[in-house]
Structures are given as structure tokens and as C-alpha cells.
Amino acid sequence: MILSMTGYGKAQACCQNETYTLEIKSLNGKNCDVTLKTAALPREKEPLLRQRIAQGLVRGNVDVYLSVEKNAGNQAKSFDKEVATAYLKQITDWQTEMQLPMQDAAALLQTVLRLPEVWEVNKTEMTEEDWLAIAAAADQAIADLNAFRIREGKTLEADLRSRVDNIRNFLAAVEPYEKERVPAIRERILSRLADLEVNPDANRLEQELIFYLEKLDINEEKVRLAQHCTYFLETMEKEDCPGKKLGFIAQEMGREINTLGSKANHAAIQKLVVMMKDELEKIKEQSLNVL
């Protein structure tokens, strides 16, 4: 079974004074790069949370969002006199400069009290119990994200199997054309010599034809490509995190397909090679998202 690197998980930690909401989003990546986006977590706890998430997710570009809200009944706020005074001074100075009529004092006060940062929610220090609750929420979000990865992985696996089977079928379709390919090439060479009215030594000509036709033999490429296809499917079944390895196997499959195409010297086989390349490109794209 394979897993996708794409996933999403969310969990909450309900503490005594605050409720923390933790969201994790993962996309494909070569390594595990965790980006933590929060101002709610103390600096000394950030490496611990990163390490916990990296161990749980293994690979991927991971974005982590941690937000906090005060619980009902714990919304104590303090009045910032300095900020309110600064706002009031700026407003009155601007009114004087623009020669605007002065507002009623009560109305002006109500305006100032609604401005940003005049009222601040009192912050509390994160306790060890709060951190343990956040760590548990991280584990839950990781589990949700991995469940998402499993579902996506089933779709990925079905698609990859289908495309490898298509390559196998195209490879099997080469054989009938291969039987007619060698006689056709041989006949074309002899016909060209006849057109040139050349009378080569028969034994030497036969040797050169054999040497030339051996260079066009594609049996080894067919065997290796079939082996790579089998290895690709076995790797998907037996390994836990085969994404990188599948990419390497796909590269080897591409080499054999390219060599087969360069040696084909037959229009129908070239067409099958193009179709194999098309399937292989889709395999490479999908393999990039395999964990």
C-alpha cells in the first residue's frame, strides 16, 4: 500500500483558559520541510512541535497553523491608556489642521474606544499542561492527515498500476511487428544495392547485414523494460515509503523505452513507443506525490 504526500488534518486542544486550533497541510516534497505559522507558541516549544510533526509525516512540504482563542469567561481585557491618548491627540491635531468642527467629547471618546489596540486581551503564559494538550492535538491532526493520505494513496496506486499495465500491453504489441521488421530492413538494403548496381561479395555482405541487424535488435530492451515494470509494482506493494525509489525505477524504464524507440526502425513500433512514453510521463508525475 502506498500513501500520498497530499493531506490535511485538524484538531483542537481545549485548555483551562484558551482553546488552541491546530491545522496541518501537506504537499509533495523531496524531504520533510515543516513551516510553522503561529504566534501562540513559545519559542522553546517550536522545535519540539516541528520534530513531532516531521516524525509523524516523514516527507512533504508541511504547513502548520496554530491559533488560540480565549475561552468564554476568560476574555478579560485591559485598557491601554497610552494608545488611546495617542489616537485622541492625532484626531484633534488633524481636526485643527483641517479646520474641521470639533466633535462632541462623548462621541469622540466612543470613536477612540473602538479603534484597534485600545483594548487588549490579557495574555496568560502557556503552562506545561497546555503544551501537553497541544502535543496531543498535533498527534490527532497527524493521524487525520495520514488517514487522508491513505485514501489518496489508494487512488494513486490504482492509477499507477493501470499505467504500468498499459506499458506492458504496448510492449507485448511490439512483438508481431518485430517479426516483420528484420526481413523488411534486409530487403530494403538489398533493394538499395540493386538500385546502385553494386555487386558486393556475398559472404561479406551477409556478415555486414548480420552485424547491422544485431545493432537493431531490441530483445534486451524489451526484457529489461518488462523487468522494470515488475519491479515497479513489487516496490509499491512491499515498501512503506517507496516514492523516491519509484522515481528512480521510472527513470530506468524511460531509458529502455528511449533505446527501443531509437532502434525500432518501424513506424508501428515507433507509435507504440510514443504511447509508452506518454504513460511513463504520467507515472513520473504521479510518483512525485507518493510518500
C-alpha atoms as a PDB file:
ATOM      1  CA  MET A   1       0.000   0.000   0.000  1.00  0.00           C
ATOM      2  CA  ILE A   2       1.280   3.441  -0.872  1.00  0.00           C
ATOM      3  CA  LEU A   3       0.475   6.814   0.683  1.00  0.00           C
ATOM      4  CA  SER A   4       0.044  10.179  -0.968  1.00  0.00           C
ATOM      5  CA  MET A   5       2.050  13.123   0.308  1.00  0.00           C
ATOM      6  CA  THR A   6      -1.021  15.359  -0.019  1.00  0.00           C
ATOM      7  CA  GLY A   7      -3.188  15.620   3.065  1.00  0.00           C
ATOM      8  CA  TYR A   8      -4.974  17.778   5.633  1.00  0.00           C
ATOM      9  CA  GLY A   9      -5.573  17.327   9.346  1.00  0.00           C
ATOM     10  CA  LYS A  10      -7.145  19.447  12.073  1.00  0.00           C
ATOM     11  CA  ALA A  11      -7.536  19.134  15.831  1.00  0.00           C
ATOM     12  CA  GLN A  12      -8.246  21.284  18.888  1.00  0.00           C
ATOM     13  CA  ALA A  13      -6.729  21.467  22.354  1.00  0.00           C
ATOM     14  CA  CYS A  14      -9.166  22.767  24.966  1.00  0.00           C
ATOM     15  CA  CYS A  15      -7.211  24.151  27.909  1.00  0.00           C
ATOM     16  CA  GLN A  16      -8.341  25.911  31.056  1.00  0.00           C
ATOM     17  CA  ASN A  17      -8.096  29.454  29.715  1.00  0.00           C
ATOM     18  CA  GLU A  18      -7.657  29.020  25.939  1.00  0.00           C
ATOM     19  CA  THR A  19      -8.657  26.781  23.059  1.00  0.00           C
ATOM     20  CA  TYR A  20      -5.897  26.037  20.553  1.00  0.00           C
ATOM     21  CA  THR A  21      -6.735  25.039  16.985  1.00  0.00           C
ATOM     22  CA  LEU A  22      -4.003  23.236  15.044  1.00  0.00           C
ATOM     23  CA  GLU A  23      -4.210  22.652  11.285  1.00  0.00           C
ATOM     24  CA  ILE A  24      -1.668  20.745   9.161  1.00  0.00           C
ATOM     25  CA  LYS A  25      -1.495  20.801   5.363  1.00  0.00           C
ATOM     26  CA  SER A  26       0.957  18.666   3.415  1.00  0.00           C
ATOM     27  CA  LEU A  27       2.036  18.742  -0.241  1.00  0.00           C
ATOM     28  CA  ASN A  28       4.673  16.751  -2.117  1.00  0.00           C
ATOM     29  CA  GLY A  29       8.333  17.471  -1.409  1.00  0.00           C
ATOM     30  CA  LYS A  30      11.713  15.758  -1.504  1.00  0.00           C
ATOM     31  CA  ASN A  31      12.197  15.921   2.279  1.00  0.00           C
ATOM     32  CA  CYS A  32      10.100  16.888   5.280  1.00  0.00           C
ATOM     33  CA  ASP A  33      10.072  20.692   5.413  1.00  0.00           C
ATOM     34  CA  VAL A  34       7.849  21.941   8.233  1.00  0.00           C
ATOM     35  CA  THR A  35       6.755  25.600   8.182  1.00  0.00           C
ATOM     36  CA  LEU A  36       5.193  26.711  11.461  1.00  0.00           C
ATOM     37  CA  LYS A  37       2.861  29.723  11.242  1.00  0.00           C
ATOM     38  CA  THR A  38       1.843  30.897  14.701  1.00  0.00           C
ATOM     39  CA  ALA A  39       2.495  33.497  17.376  1.00  0.00           C
ATOM     40  CA  ALA A  40       0.747  31.439  20.050  1.00  0.00           C
ATOM     41  CA  LEU A  41       3.584  29.023  20.758  1.00  0.00           C
ATOM     42  CA  PRO A  42       6.625  29.874  22.900  1.00  0.00           C
ATOM     43  CA  ARG A  43       9.922  29.815  21.027  1.00  0.00           C
ATOM     44  CA  GLU A  44      11.308  26.924  23.048  1.00  0.00           C
ATOM     45  CA  LYS A  45       8.346  24.701  22.080  1.00  0.00           C
ATOM     46  CA  GLU A  46       8.593  25.286  18.316  1.00  0.00           C
ATOM     47  CA  PRO A  47      11.439  22.768  17.693  1.00  0.00           C
ATOM     48  CA  LEU A  48       9.543  20.129  19.696  1.00  0.00           C
ATOM     49  CA  LEU A  49       6.402  20.605  17.609  1.00  0.00           C
ATOM     50  CA  ARG A  50       8.398  20.562  14.338  1.00  0.00           C
ATOM     51  CA  GLN A  51      10.146  17.351  15.361  1.00  0.00           C
ATOM     52  CA  ARG A  52       6.878  15.696  16.356  1.00  0.00           C
ATOM     53  CA  ILE A  53       5.262  16.544  13.013  1.00  0.00           C
ATOM     54  CA  ALA A  54       8.324  15.528  10.981  1.00  0.00           C
ATOM     55  CA  GLN A  55       8.411  12.116  12.668  1.00  0.00           C
ATOM     56  CA  GLY A  56       4.715  11.570  12.024  1.00  0.00           C
ATOM     57  CA  LEU A  57       4.642  12.661   8.383  1.00  0.00           C
ATOM     58  CA  VAL A  58       8.101  11.508   7.105  1.00  0.00           C
ATOM     59  CA  ARG A  59       8.091  13.563   3.881  1.00  0.00           C
ATOM     60  CA  GLY A  60       6.373  16.529   2.281  1.00  0.00           C
ATOM     61  CA  ASN A  61       6.178  20.318   2.364  1.00  0.00           C
ATOM     62  CA  VAL A  62       4.172  20.795   5.545  1.00  0.00           C
ATOM     63  CA  ASP A  63       2.414  23.983   6.681  1.00  0.00           C
ATOM     64  CA  VAL A  64       1.299  24.108  10.317  1.00  0.00           C
ATOM     65  CA  TYR A  65      -1.179  26.730  11.577  1.00  0.00           C
ATOM     66  CA  LEU A  66      -1.749  27.163  15.327  1.00  0.00           C
ATOM     67  CA  SER A  67      -4.304  29.708  16.522  1.00  0.00           C
ATOM     68  CA  VAL A  68      -5.610  30.444  20.021  1.00  0.00           C
ATOM     69  CA  GLU A  69      -8.862  31.867  21.394  1.00  0.00           C
ATOM     70  CA  LYS A  70      -9.764  32.783  24.930  1.00  0.00           C
ATOM     71  CA  ASN A  71     -12.468  30.610  26.446  1.00  0.00           C
ATOM     72  CA  ALA A  72     -15.797  32.159  27.429  1.00  0.00           C
ATOM     73  CA  GLY A  73     -15.439  33.865  30.785  1.00  0.00           C
ATOM     74  CA  ASN A  74     -11.720  34.397  30.291  1.00  0.00           C
ATOM     75  CA  GLN A  75     -11.919  37.370  27.962  1.00  0.00           C
ATOM     76  CA  ALA A  76     -10.502  39.851  30.473  1.00  0.00           C
ATOM     77  CA  LYS A  77      -9.289  42.968  28.687  1.00  0.00           C
ATOM     78  CA  SER A  78      -7.149  45.877  29.744  1.00  0.00           C
ATOM     79  CA  PHE A  79      -7.420  49.486  28.627  1.00  0.00           C
ATOM     80  CA  ASP A  80      -4.241  50.843  27.022  1.00  0.00           C
ATOM     81  CA  LYS A  81      -4.253  54.473  28.070  1.00  0.00           C
ATOM     82  CA  GLU A  82      -1.173  55.412  26.027  1.00  0.00           C
ATOM     83  CA  VAL A  83      -2.640  54.077  22.772  1.00  0.00           C
ATOM     84  CA  ALA A  84      -5.995  55.814  23.390  1.00  0.00           C
ATOM     85  CA  THR A  85      -4.241  59.112  24.211  1.00  0.00           C
ATOM     86  CA  ALA A  86      -2.131  58.887  21.052  1.00  0.00           C
ATOM     87  CA  TYR A  87      -5.250  58.254  18.937  1.00  0.00           C
ATOM     88  CA  LEU A  88      -7.073  61.193  20.574  1.00  0.00           C
ATOM     89  CA  LYS A  89      -4.144  63.559  20.001  1.00  0.00           C
ATOM     90  CA  GLN A  90      -3.841  62.569  16.325  1.00  0.00           C
ATOM     91  CA  ILE A  91      -7.557  63.121  15.747  1.00  0.00           C
ATOM     92  CA  THR A  92      -7.684  66.513  17.456  1.00  0.00           C
ATOM     93  CA  ASP A  93      -4.493  67.686  15.721  1.00  0.00           C
ATOM     94  CA  TRP A  94      -5.919  66.632  12.350  1.00  0.00           C
ATOM     95  CA  GLN A  95      -9.221  68.454  13.056  1.00  0.00           C
ATOM     96  CA  THR A  96      -7.316  71.621  13.953  1.00  0.00           C
ATOM     97  CA  GLU A  97      -5.081  71.368  10.877  1.00  0.00           C
ATOM     98  CA  MET A  98      -8.030  70.817   8.545  1.00  0.00           C
ATOM     99  CA  GLN A  99     -10.134  73.460  10.394  1.00  0.00           C
ATOM    100  CA  LEU A 100     -12.918  70.943  10.940  1.00  0.00           C
ATOM    101  CA  PRO A 101     -15.625  71.479  13.535  1.00  0.00           C
ATOM    102  CA  MET A 102     -14.771  69.788  16.825  1.00  0.00           C
ATOM    103  CA  GLN A 103     -16.799  66.692  17.673  1.00  0.00           C
ATOM    104  CA  ASP A 104     -18.769  66.261  20.828  1.00  0.00           C
ATOM    105  CA  ALA A 105     -16.407  64.891  23.535  1.00  0.00           C
ATOM    106  CA  ALA A 106     -18.614  61.878  24.273  1.00  0.00           C
ATOM    107  CA  ALA A 107     -18.864  60.951  20.573  1.00  0.00           C
ATOM    108  CA  LEU A 108     -15.121  61.382  20.115  1.00  0.00           C
ATOM    109  CA  LEU A 109     -14.451  59.157  23.116  1.00  0.00           C
ATOM    110  CA  GLN A 110     -16.698  56.411  21.745  1.00  0.00           C
ATOM    111  CA  THR A 111     -14.828  56.577  18.440  1.00  0.00           C
ATOM    112  CA  VAL A 112     -11.439  56.242  20.117  1.00  0.00           C
ATOM    113  CA  LEU A 113     -12.578  53.306  22.277  1.00  0.00           C
ATOM    114  CA  ARG A 114     -13.471  51.330  19.130  1.00  0.00           C
ATOM    115  CA  LEU A 115     -10.054  51.749  17.482  1.00  0.00           C
ATOM    116  CA  PRO A 116      -7.563  48.831  17.232  1.00  0.00           C
ATOM    117  CA  GLU A 117      -5.279  48.002  20.176  1.00  0.00           C
ATOM    118  CA  VAL A 118      -7.063  50.322  22.613  1.00  0.00           C
ATOM    119  CA  TRP A 119      -8.381  47.222  24.370  1.00  0.00           C
ATOM    120  CA  GLU A 120      -6.047  44.235  24.748  1.00  0.00           C
ATOM    121  CA  VAL A 121      -6.941  40.741  25.807  1.00  0.00           C
ATOM    122  CA  ASN A 122      -4.830  39.842  28.788  1.00  0.00           C
ATOM    123  CA  LYS A 123      -2.339  37.151  27.798  1.00  0.00           C
ATOM    124  CA  THR A 124      -1.516  34.187  30.008  1.00  0.00           C
ATOM    125  CA  GLU A 125       1.654  32.151  29.990  1.00  0.00           C
ATOM    126  CA  MET A 126       1.451  28.701  28.410  1.00  0.00           C
ATOM    127  CA  THR A 127       1.635  26.023  31.072  1.00  0.00           C
ATOM    128  CA  GLU A 128       3.087  22.544  30.712  1.00  0.00           C
ATOM    129  CA  GLU A 129      -0.474  21.176  30.717  1.00  0.00           C
ATOM    130  CA  ASP A 130      -1.293  23.478  27.798  1.00  0.00           C
ATOM    131  CA  TRP A 131       1.733  22.178  25.883  1.00  0.00           C
ATOM    132  CA  LEU A 132       0.795  18.543  26.513  1.00  0.00           C
ATOM    133  CA  ALA A 133      -2.712  19.280  25.207  1.00  0.00           C
ATOM    134  CA  ILE A 134      -1.257  20.923  22.079  1.00  0.00           C
ATOM    135  CA  ALA A 135       1.065  17.931  21.548  1.00  0.00           C
ATOM    136  CA  ALA A 136      -1.924  15.582  21.790  1.00  0.00           C
ATOM    137  CA  ALA A 137      -3.812  17.752  19.286  1.00  0.00           C
ATOM    138  CA  ALA A 138      -0.789  17.584  16.955  1.00  0.00           C
ATOM    139  CA  ASP A 139      -0.863  13.778  17.165  1.00  0.00           C
ATOM    140  CA  GLN A 140      -4.574  13.788  16.335  1.00  0.00           C
ATOM    141  CA  ALA A 141      -4.066  16.153  13.379  1.00  0.00           C
ATOM    142  CA  ILE A 142      -1.199  13.961  12.122  1.00  0.00           C
ATOM    143  CA  ALA A 143      -3.427  10.880  12.374  1.00  0.00           C
ATOM    144  CA  ASP A 144      -6.196  12.663  10.426  1.00  0.00           C
ATOM    145  CA  LEU A 145      -3.717  13.770   7.777  1.00  0.00           C
ATOM    146  CA  ASN A 146      -2.301  10.240   7.422  1.00  0.00           C
ATOM    147  CA  ALA A 147      -5.833   8.859   7.051  1.00  0.00           C
ATOM    148  CA  PHE A 148      -6.309  11.384   4.235  1.00  0.00           C
ATOM    149  CA  ARG A 149      -3.022  10.188   2.717  1.00  0.00           C
ATOM    150  CA  ILE A 150      -4.204   6.574   2.803  1.00  0.00           C
ATOM    151  CA  ARG A 151      -7.381   7.443   0.897  1.00  0.00           C
ATOM    152  CA  GLU A 152      -5.431   9.449  -1.681  1.00  0.00           C
ATOM    153  CA  GLY A 153      -2.834   6.678  -1.858  1.00  0.00           C
ATOM    154  CA  LYS A 154      -5.417   4.103  -2.939  1.00  0.00           C
ATOM    155  CA  THR A 155      -6.365   6.303  -5.880  1.00  0.00           C
ATOM    156  CA  LEU A 156      -2.695   6.862  -6.736  1.00  0.00           C
ATOM    157  CA  GLU A 157      -1.916   3.152  -6.579  1.00  0.00           C
ATOM    158  CA  ALA A 158      -4.805   2.224  -8.857  1.00  0.00           C
ATOM    159  CA  ASP A 159      -3.720   4.832 -11.398  1.00  0.00           C
ATOM    160  CA  LEU A 160      -0.049   3.768 -11.339  1.00  0.00           C
ATOM    161  CA  ARG A 161      -0.947   0.087 -11.731  1.00  0.00           C
ATOM    162  CA  SER A 162      -3.179   0.924 -14.682  1.00  0.00           C
ATOM    163  CA  ARG A 163      -0.436   2.870 -16.445  1.00  0.00           C
ATOM    164  CA  VAL A 164       2.234   0.208 -15.854  1.00  0.00           C
ATOM    165  CA  ASP A 165      -0.186  -2.375 -17.275  1.00  0.00           C
ATOM    166  CA  ASN A 166      -0.684  -0.133 -20.313  1.00  0.00           C
ATOM    167  CA  ILE A 167       3.085  -0.038 -20.899  1.00  0.00           C
ATOM    168  CA  ARG A 168       3.197  -3.837 -20.627  1.00  0.00           C
ATOM    169  CA  ASN A 169       0.391  -4.150 -23.159  1.00  0.00           C
ATOM    170  CA  PHE A 170       2.110  -1.773 -25.589  1.00  0.00           C
ATOM    171  CA  LEU A 171       5.337  -3.759 -25.145  1.00  0.00           C
ATOM    172  CA  ALA A 172       3.534  -7.014 -25.960  1.00  0.00           C
ATOM    173  CA  ALA A 173       2.075  -5.355 -29.061  1.00  0.00           C
ATOM    174  CA  VAL A 174       5.620  -4.758 -30.376  1.00  0.00           C
ATOM    175  CA  GLU A 175       6.291  -8.451 -30.952  1.00  0.00           C
ATOM    176  CA  PRO A 176       4.169  -9.000 -34.111  1.00  0.00           C
ATOM    177  CA  TYR A 177       5.845  -6.039 -35.792  1.00  0.00           C
ATOM    178  CA  GLU A 178       9.277  -7.188 -34.694  1.00  0.00           C
ATOM    179  CA  LYS A 179       8.913 -10.390 -36.722  1.00  0.00           C
ATOM    180  CA  GLU A 180       8.333  -8.478 -39.927  1.00  0.00           C
ATOM    181  CA  ARG A 181      10.860  -5.754 -39.137  1.00  0.00           C
ATOM    182  CA  VAL A 182      14.126  -7.649 -39.816  1.00  0.00           C
ATOM    183  CA  PRO A 183      13.103  -9.082 -43.218  1.00  0.00           C
ATOM    184  CA  ALA A 184      11.832  -5.642 -44.256  1.00  0.00           C
ATOM    185  CA  ILE A 185      15.125  -3.953 -43.308  1.00  0.00           C
ATOM    186  CA  ARG A 186      17.101  -6.666 -45.078  1.00  0.00           C
ATOM    187  CA  GLU A 187      15.004  -6.327 -48.215  1.00  0.00           C
ATOM    188  CA  ARG A 188      15.352  -2.540 -48.187  1.00  0.00           C
ATOM    189  CA  ILE A 189      19.165  -2.736 -48.024  1.00  0.00           C
ATOM    190  CA  LEU A 190      19.366  -5.296 -50.843  1.00  0.00           C
ATOM    191  CA  SER A 191      16.971  -3.246 -52.941  1.00  0.00           C
ATOM    192  CA  ARG A 192      19.112  -0.159 -52.451  1.00  0.00           C
ATOM    193  CA  LEU A 193      22.232  -2.033 -53.506  1.00  0.00           C
ATOM    194  CA  ALA A 194      20.430  -3.241 -56.611  1.00  0.00           C
ATOM    195  CA  ASP A 195      19.416   0.310 -57.468  1.00  0.00           C
ATOM    196  CA  LEU A 196      23.047   1.352 -57.180  1.00  0.00           C
ATOM    197  CA  GLU A 197      24.023  -1.577 -59.455  1.00  0.00           C
ATOM    198  CA  VAL A 198      26.598  -2.732 -56.930  1.00  0.00           C
ATOM    199  CA  ASN A 199      27.785  -6.349 -56.838  1.00  0.00           C
ATOM    200  CA  PRO A 200      29.266  -6.860 -53.337  1.00  0.00           C
ATOM    201  CA  ASP A 201      30.895 -10.051 -52.147  1.00  0.00           C
ATOM    202  CA  ALA A 202      28.049 -12.272 -50.953  1.00  0.00           C
ATOM    203  CA  ASN A 203      29.808 -13.530 -47.792  1.00  0.00           C
ATOM    204  CA  ARG A 204      30.978 -10.068 -46.785  1.00  0.00           C
ATOM    205  CA  LEU A 205      27.509  -8.657 -47.432  1.00  0.00           C
ATOM    206  CA  GLU A 206      25.927 -11.330 -45.250  1.00  0.00           C
ATOM    207  CA  GLN A 207      28.376 -10.553 -42.441  1.00  0.00           C
ATOM    208  CA  GLU A 208      27.667  -6.846 -42.633  1.00  0.00           C
ATOM    209  CA  LEU A 209      23.908  -7.455 -42.686  1.00  0.00           C
ATOM    210  CA  ILE A 210      24.138  -9.647 -39.600  1.00  0.00           C
ATOM    211  CA  PHE A 211      26.243  -7.023 -37.814  1.00  0.00           C
ATOM    212  CA  TYR A 212      23.821  -4.240 -38.777  1.00  0.00           C
ATOM    213  CA  LEU A 213      20.720  -6.196 -37.799  1.00  0.00           C
ATOM    214  CA  GLU A 214      22.244  -7.150 -34.455  1.00  0.00           C
ATOM    215  CA  LYS A 215      22.656  -3.440 -33.662  1.00  0.00           C
ATOM    216  CA  LEU A 216      18.921  -3.020 -34.282  1.00  0.00           C
ATOM    217  CA  ASP A 217      17.933  -5.936 -32.070  1.00  0.00           C
ATOM    218  CA  ILE A 218      15.531  -4.773 -29.315  1.00  0.00           C
ATOM    219  CA  ASN A 219      15.119  -8.013 -27.392  1.00  0.00           C
ATOM    220  CA  GLU A 220      17.326  -6.875 -24.476  1.00  0.00           C
ATOM    221  CA  GLU A 221      15.436  -3.604 -24.148  1.00  0.00           C
ATOM    222  CA  LYS A 222      12.120  -5.479 -24.099  1.00  0.00           C
ATOM    223  CA  VAL A 223      13.312  -7.861 -21.403  1.00  0.00           C
ATOM    224  CA  ARG A 224      14.719  -5.081 -19.201  1.00  0.00           C
ATOM    225  CA  LEU A 225      11.619  -2.920 -19.613  1.00  0.00           C
ATOM    226  CA  ALA A 226       9.401  -5.835 -18.583  1.00  0.00           C
ATOM    227  CA  GLN A 227      11.620  -6.428 -15.558  1.00  0.00           C
ATOM    228  CA  HIS A 228      11.448  -2.753 -14.570  1.00  0.00           C
ATOM    229  CA  CYS A 229       7.640  -2.838 -14.790  1.00  0.00           C
ATOM    230  CA  THR A 230       7.525  -5.872 -12.497  1.00  0.00           C
ATOM    231  CA  TYR A 231       9.980  -4.255 -10.070  1.00  0.00           C
ATOM    232  CA  PHE A 232       7.901  -1.063 -10.016  1.00  0.00           C
ATOM    233  CA  LEU A 233       4.771  -2.961  -8.953  1.00  0.00           C
ATOM    234  CA  GLU A 234       6.659  -5.047  -6.382  1.00  0.00           C
ATOM    235  CA  THR A 235       8.143  -1.902  -4.845  1.00  0.00           C
ATOM    236  CA  MET A 236       4.678  -0.366  -4.481  1.00  0.00           C
ATOM    237  CA  GLU A 237       3.433  -3.481  -2.687  1.00  0.00           C
ATOM    238  CA  LYS A 238       6.344  -4.233  -0.354  1.00  0.00           C
ATOM    239  CA  GLU A 239       7.911  -0.911   0.713  1.00  0.00           C
ATOM    240  CA  ASP A 240       6.442   1.559   3.192  1.00  0.00           C
ATOM    241  CA  CYS A 241       7.687   4.819   1.635  1.00  0.00           C
ATOM    242  CA  PRO A 242       8.623   3.949  -1.972  1.00  0.00           C
ATOM    243  CA  GLY A 243       8.148   7.372  -3.583  1.00  0.00           C
ATOM    244  CA  LYS A 244      11.802   8.163  -4.307  1.00  0.00           C
ATOM    245  CA  LYS A 245      12.553   4.603  -5.392  1.00  0.00           C
ATOM    246  CA  LEU A 246       9.600   4.574  -7.779  1.00  0.00           C
ATOM    247  CA  GLY A 247      11.018   7.736  -9.354  1.00  0.00           C
ATOM    248  CA  PHE A 248      14.367   6.013  -9.934  1.00  0.00           C
ATOM    249  CA  ILE A 249      12.692   2.936 -11.453  1.00  0.00           C
ATOM    250  CA  ALA A 250      10.638   5.175 -13.741  1.00  0.00           C
ATOM    251  CA  GLN A 251      13.887   6.760 -14.978  1.00  0.00           C
ATOM    252  CA  GLU A 252      15.240   3.314 -15.866  1.00  0.00           C
ATOM    253  CA  MET A 253      12.002   2.476 -17.667  1.00  0.00           C
ATOM    254  CA  GLY A 254      12.422   5.681 -19.655  1.00  0.00           C
ATOM    255  CA  ARG A 255      15.944   4.717 -20.743  1.00  0.00           C
ATOM    256  CA  GLU A 256      14.763   1.365 -22.110  1.00  0.00           C
ATOM    257  CA  ILE A 257      11.795   2.940 -23.901  1.00  0.00           C
ATOM    258  CA  ASN A 258      14.041   5.577 -25.500  1.00  0.00           C
ATOM    259  CA  THR A 259      16.548   2.968 -26.654  1.00  0.00           C
ATOM    260  CA  LEU A 260      13.757   0.801 -28.006  1.00  0.00           C
ATOM    261  CA  GLY A 261      12.462   3.775 -29.976  1.00  0.00           C
ATOM    262  CA  SER A 262      15.881   4.639 -31.397  1.00  0.00           C
ATOM    263  CA  LYS A 263      16.394   1.048 -32.590  1.00  0.00           C
ATOM    264  CA  ALA A 264      12.839   0.414 -33.777  1.00  0.00           C
ATOM    265  CA  ASN A 265      13.180   1.466 -37.408  1.00  0.00           C
ATOM    266  CA  HIS A 266       9.482   0.679 -37.846  1.00  0.00           C
ATOM    267  CA  ALA A 267       6.551   3.112 -37.939  1.00  0.00           C
ATOM    268  CA  ALA A 268       4.126   0.942 -35.947  1.00  0.00           C
ATOM    269  CA  ILE A 269       6.692   0.264 -33.216  1.00  0.00           C
ATOM    270  CA  GLN A 270       7.530   3.982 -33.041  1.00  0.00           C
ATOM    271  CA  LYS A 271       3.856   4.692 -32.465  1.00  0.00           C
ATOM    272  CA  LEU A 272       3.770   2.182 -29.598  1.00  0.00           C
ATOM    273  CA  VAL A 273       6.916   3.776 -28.149  1.00  0.00           C
ATOM    274  CA  VAL A 274       5.226   7.195 -28.172  1.00  0.00           C
ATOM    275  CA  MET A 275       2.260   5.758 -26.285  1.00  0.00           C
ATOM    276  CA  MET A 276       4.605   4.136 -23.757  1.00  0.00           C
ATOM    277  CA  LYS A 277       6.357   7.483 -23.243  1.00  0.00           C
ATOM    278  CA  ASP A 278       3.017   9.183 -22.660  1.00  0.00           C
ATOM    279  CA  GLU A 279       2.092   6.651 -19.966  1.00  0.00           C
ATOM    280  CA  LEU A 280       5.551   6.931 -18.409  1.00  0.00           C
ATOM    281  CA  GLU A 281       5.329  10.726 -18.108  1.00  0.00           C
ATOM    282  CA  LYS A 282       2.078  10.347 -16.198  1.00  0.00           C
ATOM    283  CA  ILE A 283       3.720   7.714 -13.978  1.00  0.00           C
ATOM    284  CA  LYS A 284       6.573  10.127 -13.208  1.00  0.00           C
ATOM    285  CA  GLU A 285       4.115  12.910 -12.333  1.00  0.00           C
ATOM    286  CA  GLN A 286       2.133  10.650 -10.023  1.00  0.00           C
ATOM    287  CA  SER A 287       5.265   9.172  -8.421  1.00  0.00           C
ATOM    288  CA  LEU A 288       6.274  12.656  -7.246  1.00  0.00           C
ATOM    289  CA  ASN A 289       3.267  12.604  -4.897  1.00  0.00           C
ATOM    290  CA  VAL A 290       3.966   9.145  -3.452  1.00  0.00           C
ATOM    291  CA  LEU A 291       5.329   9.135   0.084  1.00  0.00           C
END
